[in-house]
PDB file of N, CA and C in Angstrom:
ATOM      1  N   UNK A   1     194.643 -26.165  24.975  1.00  0.00           N
ATOM      2  CA  UNK A   1     193.953 -25.856  23.740  1.00  0.00           C
ATOM      3  C   UNK A   1     192.461 -26.023  24.001  1.00  0.00           C
ATOM      4  N   UNK A   2     191.685 -25.036  23.676  1.00  0.00           N
ATOM      5  CA  UNK A   2     190.247 -25.112  23.922  1.00  0.00           C
ATOM      6  C   UNK A   2     189.559 -25.872  22.788  1.00  0.00           C
ATOM      7  N   UNK A   3     188.303 -26.245  23.034  1.00  0.00           N
ATOM      8  CA  UNK A   3     187.541 -26.987  22.034  1.00  0.00           C
ATOM      9  C   UNK A   3     187.306 -26.187  20.763  1.00  0.00           C
ATOM     10  N   UNK A   4     187.282 -24.853  20.878  1.00  0.00           N
ATOM     11  CA  UNK A   4     187.012 -24.027  19.701  1.00  0.00           C
ATOM     12  C   UNK A   4     188.208 -23.937  18.762  1.00  0.00           C
ATOM     13  N   UNK A   5     189.396 -24.290  19.261  1.00  0.00           N
ATOM     14  CA  UNK A   5     190.592 -24.261  18.418  1.00  0.00           C
ATOM     15  C   UNK A   5     190.805 -25.643  17.817  1.00  0.00           C
ATOM     16  N   UNK A   6     191.166 -25.669  16.553  1.00  0.00           N
ATOM     17  CA  UNK A   6     191.445 -26.959  15.921  1.00  0.00           C
ATOM     18  C   UNK A   6     192.925 -27.274  16.043  1.00  0.00           C
ATOM     19  N   UNK A   7     193.227 -28.559  16.020  1.00  0.00           N
ATOM     20  CA  UNK A   7     194.617 -28.997  16.092  1.00  0.00           C
ATOM     21  C   UNK A   7     195.292 -28.717  14.760  1.00  0.00           C
ATOM     22  N   UNK A   8     196.570 -28.351  14.796  1.00  0.00           N
ATOM     23  CA  UNK A   8     197.279 -28.166  13.517  1.00  0.00           C
ATOM     24  C   UNK A   8     197.441 -29.510  12.816  1.00  0.00           C
ATOM     25  N   UNK A   9     197.562 -29.464  11.511  1.00  0.00           N
ATOM     26  CA  UNK A   9     197.768 -30.692  10.733  1.00  0.00           C
ATOM     27  C   UNK A   9     199.093 -31.318  11.141  1.00  0.00           C
ATOM     28  N   UNK A  10     199.165 -32.646  11.179  1.00  0.00           N
ATOM     29  CA  UNK A  10     200.419 -33.294  11.562  1.00  0.00           C
ATOM     30  C   UNK A  10     201.500 -33.032  10.509  1.00  0.00           C
ATOM     31  N   UNK A  11     202.739 -32.976  10.968  1.00  0.00           N
ATOM     32  CA  UNK A  11     203.856 -32.741  10.049  1.00  0.00           C
ATOM     33  C   UNK A  11     204.126 -33.968   9.195  1.00  0.00           C
ATOM     34  N   UNK A  12     203.793 -35.135   9.706  1.00  0.00           N
ATOM     35  CA  UNK A  12     203.993 -36.370   8.963  1.00  0.00           C
ATOM     36  C   UNK A  12     202.938 -37.384   9.338  1.00  0.00           C
ATOM     37  N   UNK A  13     202.685 -38.297   8.428  1.00  0.00           N
ATOM     38  CA  UNK A  13     201.684 -39.345   8.650  1.00  0.00           C
ATOM     39  C   UNK A  13     202.324 -40.695   8.365  1.00  0.00           C
ATOM     40  N   UNK A  14     201.841 -41.716   9.032  1.00  0.00           N
ATOM     41  CA  UNK A  14     202.287 -43.078   8.703  1.00  0.00           C
ATOM     42  C   UNK A  14     201.691 -43.444   7.344  1.00  0.00           C
ATOM     43  N   UNK A  15     202.224 -44.469   6.719  1.00  0.00           N
ATOM     44  CA  UNK A  15     201.692 -44.898   5.420  1.00  0.00           C
ATOM     45  C   UNK A  15     200.232 -45.325   5.564  1.00  0.00           C
ATOM     46  N   UNK A  16     199.883 -45.939   6.695  1.00  0.00           N
ATOM     47  CA  UNK A  16     198.496 -46.345   6.931  1.00  0.00           C
ATOM     48  C   UNK A  16     197.569 -45.137   7.001  1.00  0.00           C
ATOM     49  N   UNK A  17     197.963 -44.125   7.783  1.00  0.00           N
ATOM     50  CA  UNK A  17     197.135 -42.911   7.920  1.00  0.00           C
ATOM     51  C   UNK A  17     196.997 -42.199   6.579  1.00  0.00           C
ATOM     52  N   UNK A  18     198.116 -42.041   5.891  1.00  0.00           N
ATOM     53  CA  UNK A  18     198.131 -41.300   4.635  1.00  0.00           C
ATOM     54  C   UNK A  18     197.273 -42.004   3.580  1.00  0.00           C
ATOM     55  N   UNK A  19     197.458 -43.315   3.437  1.00  0.00           N
ATOM     56  CA  UNK A  19     196.705 -44.040   2.411  1.00  0.00           C
ATOM     57  C   UNK A  19     195.204 -44.026   2.718  1.00  0.00           C
ATOM     58  N   UNK A  20     194.841 -44.099   3.992  1.00  0.00           N
ATOM     59  CA  UNK A  20     193.431 -44.029   4.375  1.00  0.00           C
ATOM     60  C   UNK A  20     192.846 -42.662   3.990  1.00  0.00           C
ATOM     61  N   UNK A  21     193.610 -41.580   4.218  1.00  0.00           N
ATOM     62  CA  UNK A  21     193.143 -40.234   3.863  1.00  0.00           C
ATOM     63  C   UNK A  21     193.021 -40.049   2.354  1.00  0.00           C
ATOM     64  N   UNK A  22     193.923 -40.673   1.593  1.00  0.00           N
ATOM     65  CA  UNK A  22     193.894 -40.562   0.139  1.00  0.00           C
ATOM     66  C   UNK A  22     192.784 -41.431  -0.451  1.00  0.00           C
ATOM     67  N   UNK A  23     192.493 -42.547   0.216  1.00  0.00           N
ATOM     68  CA  UNK A  23     191.447 -43.437  -0.265  1.00  0.00           C
ATOM     69  C   UNK A  23     191.973 -44.628  -1.039  1.00  0.00           C
ATOM     70  N   UNK A  24     193.234 -45.000  -0.781  1.00  0.00           N
ATOM     71  CA  UNK A  24     193.811 -46.188  -1.405  1.00  0.00           C
ATOM     72  C   UNK A  24     194.256 -47.140  -0.298  1.00  0.00           C
ATOM     73  N   UNK A  25     194.414 -48.402  -0.630  1.00  0.00           N
ATOM     74  CA  UNK A  25     194.882 -49.335   0.394  1.00  0.00           C
ATOM     75  C   UNK A  25     196.399 -49.205   0.553  1.00  0.00           C
ATOM     76  N   UNK A  26     196.889 -49.677   1.677  1.00  0.00           N
ATOM     77  CA  UNK A  26     198.307 -49.576   2.005  1.00  0.00           C
ATOM     78  C   UNK A  26     199.166 -50.284   0.950  1.00  0.00           C
ATOM     79  N   UNK A  27     198.717 -51.439   0.481  1.00  0.00           N
ATOM     80  CA  UNK A  27     199.479 -52.197  -0.520  1.00  0.00           C
ATOM     81  C   UNK A  27     199.629 -51.393  -1.808  1.00  0.00           C
ATOM     82  N   UNK A  28     198.579 -50.708  -2.224  1.00  0.00           N
ATOM     83  CA  UNK A  28     198.639 -49.880  -3.428  1.00  0.00           C
ATOM     84  C   UNK A  28     199.625 -48.743  -3.239  1.00  0.00           C
ATOM     85  N   UNK A  29     199.661 -48.159  -2.065  1.00  0.00           N
ATOM     86  CA  UNK A  29     200.605 -47.073  -1.788  1.00  0.00           C
ATOM     87  C   UNK A  29     202.043 -47.538  -1.997  1.00  0.00           C
ATOM     88  N   UNK A  30     202.350 -48.778  -1.603  1.00  0.00           N
ATOM     89  CA  UNK A  30     203.700 -49.311  -1.788  1.00  0.00           C
ATOM     90  C   UNK A  30     204.000 -49.644  -3.249  1.00  0.00           C
ATOM     91  N   UNK A  31     202.971 -49.840  -4.063  1.00  0.00           N
ATOM     92  CA  UNK A  31     203.172 -50.203  -5.468  1.00  0.00           C
ATOM     93  C   UNK A  31     203.249 -48.997  -6.403  1.00  0.00           C
ATOM     94  N   UNK A  32     203.123 -47.787  -5.888  1.00  0.00           N
ATOM     95  CA  UNK A  32     203.197 -46.599  -6.740  1.00  0.00           C
ATOM     96  C   UNK A  32     204.584 -46.481  -7.361  1.00  0.00           C
ATOM     97  N   UNK A  33     204.626 -46.109  -8.631  1.00  0.00           N
ATOM     98  CA  UNK A  33     205.918 -45.914  -9.296  1.00  0.00           C
ATOM     99  C   UNK A  33     206.662 -44.763  -8.636  1.00  0.00           C
ATOM    100  N   UNK A  34     207.967 -44.707  -8.852  1.00  0.00           N
ATOM    101  CA  UNK A  34     208.825 -43.751  -8.160  1.00  0.00           C
ATOM    102  C   UNK A  34     208.337 -42.303  -8.254  1.00  0.00           C
ATOM    103  N   UNK A  35     207.962 -41.848  -9.456  1.00  0.00           N
ATOM    104  CA  UNK A  35     207.543 -40.453  -9.600  1.00  0.00           C
ATOM    105  C   UNK A  35     206.185 -40.179  -8.956  1.00  0.00           C
ATOM    106  N   UNK A  36     205.486 -41.260  -8.601  1.00  0.00           N
ATOM    107  CA  UNK A  36     204.160 -41.121  -7.978  1.00  0.00           C
ATOM    108  C   UNK A  36     204.202 -41.311  -6.466  1.00  0.00           C
ATOM    109  N   UNK A  37     205.355 -41.668  -5.930  1.00  0.00           N
ATOM    110  CA  UNK A  37     205.469 -41.864  -4.487  1.00  0.00           C
ATOM    111  C   UNK A  37     205.245 -40.531  -3.768  1.00  0.00           C
ATOM    112  N   UNK A  38     204.540 -40.551  -2.653  1.00  0.00           N
ATOM    113  CA  UNK A  38     204.397 -39.320  -1.880  1.00  0.00           C
ATOM    114  C   UNK A  38     205.742 -38.953  -1.250  1.00  0.00           C
ATOM    115  N   UNK A  39     205.964 -37.675  -1.044  1.00  0.00           N
ATOM    116  CA  UNK A  39     207.215 -37.227  -0.430  1.00  0.00           C
ATOM    117  C   UNK A  39     207.245 -37.721   1.013  1.00  0.00           C
ATOM    118  N   UNK A  40     208.397 -38.262   1.408  1.00  0.00           N
ATOM    119  CA  UNK A  40     208.496 -38.852   2.743  1.00  0.00           C
ATOM    120  C   UNK A  40     209.905 -38.704   3.298  1.00  0.00           C
ATOM    121  N   UNK A  41     210.027 -38.952   4.586  1.00  0.00           N
ATOM    122  CA  UNK A  41     211.324 -38.981   5.258  1.00  0.00           C
ATOM    123  C   UNK A  41     211.388 -40.253   6.084  1.00  0.00           C
ATOM    124  N   UNK A  42     212.593 -40.738   6.289  1.00  0.00           N
ATOM    125  CA  UNK A  42     212.775 -41.926   7.106  1.00  0.00           C
ATOM    126  C   UNK A  42     213.432 -41.499   8.410  1.00  0.00           C
ATOM    127  N   UNK A  43     212.816 -41.873   9.510  1.00  0.00           N
ATOM    128  CA  UNK A  43     213.340 -41.568  10.835  1.00  0.00           C
ATOM    129  C   UNK A  43     213.515 -42.905  11.545  1.00  0.00           C
ATOM    130  N   UNK A  44     214.760 -43.319  11.678  1.00  0.00           N
ATOM    131  CA  UNK A  44     215.024 -44.648  12.223  1.00  0.00           C
ATOM    132  C   UNK A  44     214.465 -45.692  11.277  1.00  0.00           C
ATOM    133  N   UNK A  45     213.615 -46.566  11.778  1.00  0.00           N
ATOM    134  CA  UNK A  45     212.991 -47.595  10.947  1.00  0.00           C
ATOM    135  C   UNK A  45     211.656 -47.142  10.386  1.00  0.00           C
ATOM    136  N   UNK A  46     211.191 -45.982  10.806  1.00  0.00           N
ATOM    137  CA  UNK A  46     209.852 -45.521  10.432  1.00  0.00           C
ATOM    138  C   UNK A  46     209.900 -44.539   9.271  1.00  0.00           C
ATOM    139  N   UNK A  47     208.984 -44.694   8.333  1.00  0.00           N
ATOM    140  CA  UNK A  47     208.862 -43.757   7.223  1.00  0.00           C
ATOM    141  C   UNK A  47     207.616 -42.915   7.455  1.00  0.00           C
ATOM    142  N   UNK A  48     207.781 -41.587   7.394  1.00  0.00           N
ATOM    143  CA  UNK A  48     206.668 -40.658   7.554  1.00  0.00           C
ATOM    144  C   UNK A  48     206.411 -39.940   6.238  1.00  0.00           C
ATOM    145  N   UNK A  49     205.163 -39.905   5.844  1.00  0.00           N
ATOM    146  CA  UNK A  49     204.766 -39.191   4.633  1.00  0.00           C
ATOM    147  C   UNK A  49     204.598 -37.725   5.015  1.00  0.00           C
ATOM    148  N   UNK A  50     205.333 -36.849   4.342  1.00  0.00           N
ATOM    149  CA  UNK A  50     205.274 -35.425   4.670  1.00  0.00           C
ATOM    150  C   UNK A  50     204.476 -34.627   3.646  1.00  0.00           C
ATOM    151  N   UNK A  51     204.028 -35.279   2.592  1.00  0.00           N
ATOM    152  CA  UNK A  51     203.219 -34.614   1.575  1.00  0.00           C
ATOM    153  C   UNK A  51     201.745 -34.771   1.940  1.00  0.00           C
ATOM    154  N   UNK A  52     201.042 -33.666   2.046  1.00  0.00           N
ATOM    155  CA  UNK A  52     199.620 -33.705   2.384  1.00  0.00           C
ATOM    156  C   UNK A  52     198.852 -34.465   1.309  1.00  0.00           C
ATOM    157  N   UNK A  53     197.842 -35.228   1.706  1.00  0.00           N
ATOM    158  CA  UNK A  53     197.059 -35.972   0.718  1.00  0.00           C
ATOM    159  C   UNK A  53     196.513 -35.080  -0.400  1.00  0.00           C
ATOM    160  N   UNK A  54     196.034 -33.887  -0.071  1.00  0.00           N
ATOM    161  CA  UNK A  54     195.489 -32.987  -1.102  1.00  0.00           C
ATOM    162  C   UNK A  54     196.576 -32.528  -2.077  1.00  0.00           C
ATOM    163  N   UNK A  55     197.797 -32.308  -1.577  1.00  0.00           N
ATOM    164  CA  UNK A  55     198.910 -31.916  -2.455  1.00  0.00           C
ATOM    165  C   UNK A  55     199.287 -33.063  -3.387  1.00  0.00           C
ATOM    166  N   UNK A  56     199.306 -34.284  -2.852  1.00  0.00           N
ATOM    167  CA  UNK A  56     199.639 -35.448  -3.671  1.00  0.00           C
ATOM    168  C   UNK A  56     198.593 -35.657  -4.759  1.00  0.00           C
ATOM    169  N   UNK A  57     197.315 -35.547  -4.390  1.00  0.00           N
ATOM    170  CA  UNK A  57     196.248 -35.722  -5.377  1.00  0.00           C
ATOM    171  C   UNK A  57     196.336 -34.675  -6.484  1.00  0.00           C
ATOM    172  N   UNK A  58     196.678 -33.436  -6.136  1.00  0.00           N
ATOM    173  CA  UNK A  58     196.856 -32.382  -7.144  1.00  0.00           C
ATOM    174  C   UNK A  58     198.025 -32.721  -8.066  1.00  0.00           C
ATOM    175  N   UNK A  59     199.110 -33.217  -7.482  1.00  0.00           N
ATOM    176  CA  UNK A  59     200.298 -33.582  -8.280  1.00  0.00           C
ATOM    177  C   UNK A  59     199.965 -34.731  -9.227  1.00  0.00           C
ATOM    178  N   UNK A  60     199.185 -35.710  -8.760  1.00  0.00           N
ATOM    179  CA  UNK A  60     198.802 -36.840  -9.611  1.00  0.00           C
ATOM    180  C   UNK A  60     197.881 -36.379 -10.748  1.00  0.00           C
ATOM    181  N   UNK A  61     197.031 -35.420 -10.475  1.00  0.00           N
ATOM    182  CA  UNK A  61     196.149 -34.891 -11.515  1.00  0.00           C
ATOM    183  C   UNK A  61     196.981 -34.241 -12.626  1.00  0.00           C
ATOM    184  N   UNK A  62     198.044 -33.532 -12.255  1.00  0.00           N
ATOM    185  CA  UNK A  62     198.913 -32.891 -13.247  1.00  0.00           C
ATOM    186  C   UNK A  62     199.687 -33.919 -14.060  1.00  0.00           C
ATOM    187  N   UNK A  63     200.001 -35.069 -13.425  1.00  0.00           N
ATOM    188  CA  UNK A  63     200.730 -36.142 -14.125  1.00  0.00           C
ATOM    189  C   UNK A  63     199.806 -36.997 -14.989  1.00  0.00           C
ATOM    190  N   UNK A  64     198.515 -36.803 -14.839  1.00  0.00           N
ATOM    191  CA  UNK A  64     197.569 -37.611 -15.596  1.00  0.00           C
ATOM    192  C   UNK A  64     197.161 -38.876 -14.865  1.00  0.00           C
ATOM    193  N   UNK A  65     197.384 -38.929 -13.570  1.00  0.00           N
ATOM    194  CA  UNK A  65     196.993 -40.083 -12.754  1.00  0.00           C
ATOM    195  C   UNK A  65     198.202 -40.795 -12.187  1.00  0.00           C
ATOM    196  N   UNK A  66     197.985 -41.491 -11.086  1.00  0.00           N
ATOM    197  CA  UNK A  66     199.054 -42.247 -10.436  1.00  0.00           C
ATOM    198  C   UNK A  66     199.329 -43.525 -11.221  1.00  0.00           C
ATOM    199  N   UNK A  67     200.582 -43.888 -11.294  1.00  0.00           N
ATOM    200  CA  UNK A  67     200.974 -45.100 -12.016  1.00  0.00           C
ATOM    201  C   UNK A  67     201.416 -46.162 -11.009  1.00  0.00           C
ATOM    202  N   UNK A  68     200.992 -47.389 -11.259  1.00  0.00           N
ATOM    203  CA  UNK A  68     201.309 -48.533 -10.393  1.00  0.00           C
ATOM    204  C   UNK A  68     202.387 -49.374 -11.047  1.00  0.00           C
ATOM    205  N   UNK A  69     203.342 -49.844 -10.249  1.00  0.00           N
ATOM    206  CA  UNK A  69     204.393 -50.740 -10.769  1.00  0.00           C
ATOM    207  C   UNK A  69     203.740 -52.035 -11.234  1.00  0.00           C
ATOM    208  N   UNK A  70     204.146 -52.507 -12.367  1.00  0.00           N
ATOM    209  CA  UNK A  70     203.639 -53.769 -12.913  1.00  0.00           C
ATOM    210  C   UNK A  70     204.428 -54.922 -12.318  1.00  0.00           C
ATOM    211  N   UNK A  71     203.730 -55.989 -11.994  1.00  0.00           N
ATOM    212  CA  UNK A  71     204.419 -57.188 -11.508  1.00  0.00           C
ATOM    213  C   UNK A  71     205.139 -57.835 -12.662  1.00  0.00           C
ATOM    214  N   UNK A  72     206.360 -58.274 -12.418  1.00  0.00           N
ATOM    215  CA  UNK A  72     207.131 -58.929 -13.476  1.00  0.00           C
ATOM    216  C   UNK A  72     206.843 -60.418 -13.437  1.00  0.00           C
ATOM    217  N   UNK A  73     206.722 -60.997 -14.605  1.00  0.00           N
ATOM    218  CA  UNK A  73     206.473 -62.437 -14.718  1.00  0.00           C
ATOM    219  C   UNK A  73     207.696 -63.213 -14.233  1.00  0.00           C
ATOM    220  N   UNK A  74     207.448 -64.308 -13.580  1.00  0.00           N
ATOM    221  CA  UNK A  74     208.549 -65.131 -13.041  1.00  0.00           C
ATOM    222  C   UNK A  74     209.169 -65.995 -14.106  1.00  0.00           C
TER     223      UNK A  74
END
């Protein structure tokens, strides 16, 4: 591949890579409510996010924003 050609976008990203691209911390990504979770697949012990950050942000805009799970009182 020459320098003038760009690499194709990855098919999947780790939660760390994806959350960094979206602009949220990894802990917040794990606290997203079910309907706000990015689309992902599990391969062995590893979970790969297959939803592009821009697609997820568009989906959250349509939902009126991402929702975070509330901590339950002990």
